[in-house]
Amino acid sequence: MPRDILARALLIADKMIESGKLQGAIDARYQGWTGGLGKEIMDKKMDLAAISERVLKDKIDPKPRSGQQEMLENLVNRYV
């Protein structure tokens, strides 16, 4: 029985990966981290003090946006 559950989970995970829908949502959510300040942070080129200085100097004020959690939960549930 546990092997059947594991096999089913792997098949579902494969379908989710192959569809690309989940990855598309992830890519859209984190697109700002692939260039500019986000890339510098991810490449560890700036420490926290440098990030703070840059944010204050450039008056960076990001606005909150939805992570679309409910939509992503529904997407995953469609596969299960």
N, C-alpha and C. Protein backbone atom coordinates (compact mmCIF):
# COMPACT_ATOMS: atom_id res chain seq x y z
N MET A 1 0.81 -1.20 0.00
CA MET A 1 0.00 0.00 0.00
C MET A 1 0.86 1.26 0.00
N PRO A 2 1.84 1.43 0.90
CA PRO A 2 2.65 2.64 0.89
C PRO A 2 3.38 2.85 -0.45
N ARG A 3 3.78 1.76 -1.11
CA ARG A 3 4.44 1.90 -2.41
C ARG A 3 3.48 2.46 -3.45
N ASP A 4 2.22 2.04 -3.38
CA ASP A 4 1.22 2.56 -4.31
C ASP A 4 1.03 4.07 -4.12
N ILE A 5 1.02 4.50 -2.87
CA ILE A 5 0.85 5.91 -2.57
C ILE A 5 2.06 6.70 -3.08
N LEU A 6 3.25 6.18 -2.85
CA LEU A 6 4.47 6.84 -3.31
C LEU A 6 4.49 6.91 -4.84
N ALA A 7 4.12 5.82 -5.49
CA ALA A 7 4.09 5.81 -6.95
C ALA A 7 3.10 6.83 -7.48
N ARG A 8 1.93 6.90 -6.88
CA ARG A 8 0.91 7.88 -7.30
C ARG A 8 1.43 9.30 -7.10
N ALA A 9 2.06 9.54 -5.96
CA ALA A 9 2.60 10.88 -5.68
C ALA A 9 3.65 11.27 -6.71
N LEU A 10 4.51 10.33 -7.08
CA LEU A 10 5.54 10.61 -8.08
C LEU A 10 4.93 10.88 -9.45
N LEU A 11 3.91 10.14 -9.82
CA LEU A 11 3.23 10.37 -11.10
C LEU A 11 2.56 11.75 -11.13
N ILE A 12 1.95 12.11 -10.02
CA ILE A 12 1.31 13.43 -9.92
C ILE A 12 2.37 14.53 -10.01
N ALA A 13 3.46 14.37 -9.28
CA ALA A 13 4.53 15.36 -9.30
C ALA A 13 5.08 15.50 -10.72
N ASP A 14 5.23 14.40 -11.43
CA ASP A 14 5.72 14.44 -12.81
C ASP A 14 4.76 15.23 -13.70
N LYS A 15 3.46 15.00 -13.56
CA LYS A 15 2.48 15.73 -14.36
C LYS A 15 2.54 17.23 -14.06
N MET A 16 2.71 17.58 -12.77
CA MET A 16 2.78 18.99 -12.40
C MET A 16 4.02 19.64 -13.01
N ILE A 17 5.13 18.95 -12.97
CA ILE A 17 6.36 19.50 -13.54
C ILE A 17 6.24 19.63 -15.05
N GLU A 18 5.72 18.60 -15.69
CA GLU A 18 5.59 18.60 -17.15
C GLU A 18 4.65 19.71 -17.64
N SER A 19 3.60 20.01 -16.90
CA SER A 19 2.65 21.04 -17.34
C SER A 19 3.29 22.43 -17.32
N GLY A 20 4.23 22.66 -16.41
CA GLY A 20 4.91 23.93 -16.31
C GLY A 20 4.10 25.04 -15.64
N LYS A 21 2.86 24.76 -15.29
CA LYS A 21 2.00 25.80 -14.71
C LYS A 21 2.51 26.28 -13.35
N LEU A 22 2.92 25.35 -12.53
CA LEU A 22 3.43 25.73 -11.21
C LEU A 22 4.74 26.50 -11.36
N GLN A 23 5.62 26.04 -12.22
CA GLN A 23 6.90 26.74 -12.44
C GLN A 23 6.66 28.13 -13.01
N GLY A 24 5.67 28.25 -13.88
CA GLY A 24 5.34 29.55 -14.45
C GLY A 24 4.92 30.54 -13.37
N ALA A 25 4.14 30.08 -12.42
CA ALA A 25 3.71 30.93 -11.31
C ALA A 25 4.90 31.32 -10.43
N ILE A 26 5.79 30.39 -10.20
CA ILE A 26 6.99 30.66 -9.39
C ILE A 26 7.87 31.69 -10.11
N ASP A 27 8.08 31.48 -11.40
CA ASP A 27 8.91 32.40 -12.17
C ASP A 27 8.32 33.82 -12.17
N ALA A 28 7.01 33.91 -12.33
CA ALA A 28 6.35 35.22 -12.34
C ALA A 28 6.48 35.90 -10.97
N ARG A 29 6.33 35.13 -9.92
CA ARG A 29 6.39 35.68 -8.56
C ARG A 29 7.77 36.26 -8.24
N TYR A 30 8.81 35.59 -8.70
CA TYR A 30 10.17 35.99 -8.33
C TYR A 30 10.96 36.60 -9.48
N GLN A 31 10.28 37.11 -10.51
CA GLN A 31 10.98 37.66 -11.66
C GLN A 31 11.87 38.85 -11.31
N GLY A 32 11.51 39.60 -10.30
CA GLY A 32 12.31 40.75 -9.89
C GLY A 32 13.65 40.39 -9.27
N TRP A 33 13.84 39.13 -8.96
CA TRP A 33 15.08 38.69 -8.33
C TRP A 33 16.13 38.26 -9.35
N THR A 34 15.82 38.39 -10.64
CA THR A 34 16.77 37.93 -11.66
C THR A 34 17.60 39.06 -12.24
N GLY A 35 17.36 40.29 -11.82
CA GLY A 35 18.12 41.42 -12.32
C GLY A 35 18.19 42.53 -11.30
N GLY A 36 19.06 43.48 -11.53
CA GLY A 36 19.16 44.64 -10.67
C GLY A 36 19.49 44.31 -9.23
N LEU A 37 18.82 45.01 -8.32
CA LEU A 37 19.06 44.84 -6.89
C LEU A 37 18.80 43.39 -6.44
N GLY A 38 17.72 42.80 -6.94
CA GLY A 38 17.41 41.42 -6.57
C GLY A 38 18.54 40.46 -6.90
N LYS A 39 19.13 40.60 -8.07
CA LYS A 39 20.24 39.73 -8.48
C LYS A 39 21.46 39.97 -7.61
N GLU A 40 21.73 41.24 -7.30
CA GLU A 40 22.87 41.54 -6.43
C GLU A 40 22.69 40.89 -5.06
N ILE A 41 21.47 40.93 -4.54
CA ILE A 41 21.19 40.30 -3.24
C ILE A 41 21.37 38.80 -3.34
N MET A 42 20.78 38.19 -4.38
CA MET A 42 20.86 36.73 -4.52
C MET A 42 22.29 36.26 -4.78
N ASP A 43 23.09 37.08 -5.45
CA ASP A 43 24.49 36.72 -5.71
C ASP A 43 25.39 37.04 -4.52
N LYS A 44 24.79 37.51 -3.43
CA LYS A 44 25.49 37.84 -2.18
C LYS A 44 26.58 38.89 -2.39
N LYS A 45 26.28 39.85 -3.27
CA LYS A 45 27.22 40.94 -3.52
C LYS A 45 27.00 42.10 -2.56
N MET A 46 25.92 42.02 -1.79
CA MET A 46 25.61 43.09 -0.84
C MET A 46 25.28 42.48 0.51
N ASP A 47 25.78 43.13 1.57
CA ASP A 47 25.37 42.71 2.91
C ASP A 47 24.15 43.52 3.32
N LEU A 48 23.61 43.23 4.48
CA LEU A 48 22.37 43.88 4.93
C LEU A 48 22.54 45.39 5.05
N ALA A 49 23.68 45.84 5.52
CA ALA A 49 23.92 47.28 5.64
C ALA A 49 23.91 47.95 4.27
N ALA A 50 24.53 47.33 3.27
CA ALA A 50 24.56 47.89 1.92
C ALA A 50 23.16 47.91 1.30
N ILE A 51 22.39 46.87 1.57
CA ILE A 51 21.01 46.82 1.06
C ILE A 51 20.20 47.95 1.69
N SER A 52 20.33 48.12 2.99
CA SER A 52 19.61 49.18 3.70
C SER A 52 19.98 50.55 3.14
N GLU A 53 21.27 50.77 2.95
CA GLU A 53 21.74 52.05 2.41
C GLU A 53 21.15 52.31 1.02
N ARG A 54 21.13 51.28 0.19
CA ARG A 54 20.60 51.42 -1.18
C ARG A 54 19.11 51.71 -1.16
N VAL A 55 18.38 51.02 -0.30
CA VAL A 55 16.94 51.23 -0.19
C VAL A 55 16.63 52.66 0.24
N LEU A 56 17.37 53.16 1.22
CA LEU A 56 17.15 54.52 1.69
C LEU A 56 17.57 55.55 0.64
N LYS A 57 18.72 55.34 0.01
CA LYS A 57 19.23 56.28 -0.99
C LYS A 57 18.31 56.38 -2.20
N ASP A 58 17.84 55.21 -2.68
CA ASP A 58 16.99 55.19 -3.88
C ASP A 58 15.51 55.29 -3.55
N LYS A 59 15.19 55.43 -2.26
CA LYS A 59 13.80 55.53 -1.81
C LYS A 59 12.94 54.38 -2.36
N ILE A 60 13.49 53.19 -2.22
CA ILE A 60 12.78 51.99 -2.69
C ILE A 60 11.65 51.68 -1.72
N ASP A 61 10.44 51.58 -2.24
CA ASP A 61 9.26 51.33 -1.41
C ASP A 61 8.37 50.31 -2.11
N PRO A 62 8.74 49.03 -2.03
CA PRO A 62 7.95 48.02 -2.73
C PRO A 62 6.55 47.89 -2.15
N LYS A 63 5.61 47.68 -3.02
CA LYS A 63 4.22 47.50 -2.60
C LYS A 63 3.92 46.00 -2.48
N PRO A 64 3.19 45.62 -1.45
CA PRO A 64 2.83 44.21 -1.30
C PRO A 64 1.98 43.77 -2.49
N ARG A 65 2.16 42.52 -2.89
CA ARG A 65 1.31 41.95 -3.93
C ARG A 65 0.98 40.52 -3.56
N SER A 66 -0.08 40.05 -4.10
CA SER A 66 -0.57 38.72 -3.75
C SER A 66 0.39 37.63 -4.22
N GLY A 67 0.58 36.65 -3.37
CA GLY A 67 1.34 35.47 -3.75
C GLY A 67 0.45 34.45 -4.43
N GLN A 68 -0.83 34.76 -4.53
CA GLN A 68 -1.83 33.92 -5.18
C GLN A 68 -1.87 32.51 -4.59
N GLN A 69 -1.77 32.44 -3.27
CA GLN A 69 -1.73 31.15 -2.59
C GLN A 69 -2.96 30.30 -2.89
N GLU A 70 -4.14 30.90 -2.83
CA GLU A 70 -5.36 30.13 -3.06
C GLU A 70 -5.39 29.56 -4.47
N MET A 71 -4.98 30.35 -5.45
CA MET A 71 -4.94 29.88 -6.83
C MET A 71 -3.95 28.72 -6.98
N LEU A 72 -2.79 28.83 -6.33
CA LEU A 72 -1.79 27.76 -6.41
C LEU A 72 -2.27 26.50 -5.70
N GLU A 73 -2.95 26.67 -4.56
CA GLU A 73 -3.50 25.51 -3.86
C GLU A 73 -4.51 24.79 -4.75
N ASN A 74 -5.36 25.56 -5.43
CA ASN A 74 -6.34 24.96 -6.34
C ASN A 74 -5.65 24.24 -7.50
N LEU A 75 -4.58 24.83 -8.00
CA LEU A 75 -3.83 24.19 -9.08
C LEU A 75 -3.28 22.84 -8.63
N VAL A 76 -2.67 22.81 -7.47
CA VAL A 76 -2.13 21.55 -6.94
C VAL A 76 -3.24 20.55 -6.68
N ASN A 77 -4.36 21.00 -6.13
CA ASN A 77 -5.47 20.11 -5.82
C ASN A 77 -6.09 19.48 -7.07
N ARG A 78 -5.99 20.17 -8.21
CA ARG A 78 -6.51 19.59 -9.45
C ARG A 78 -5.75 18.34 -9.85
N TYR A 79 -4.50 18.26 -9.46
CA TYR A 79 -3.69 17.09 -9.80
C TYR A 79 -3.92 15.93 -8.84
N VAL A 80 -4.30 16.25 -7.62
CA VAL A 80 -4.49 15.22 -6.60
C VAL A 80 -5.86 14.65 -6.77
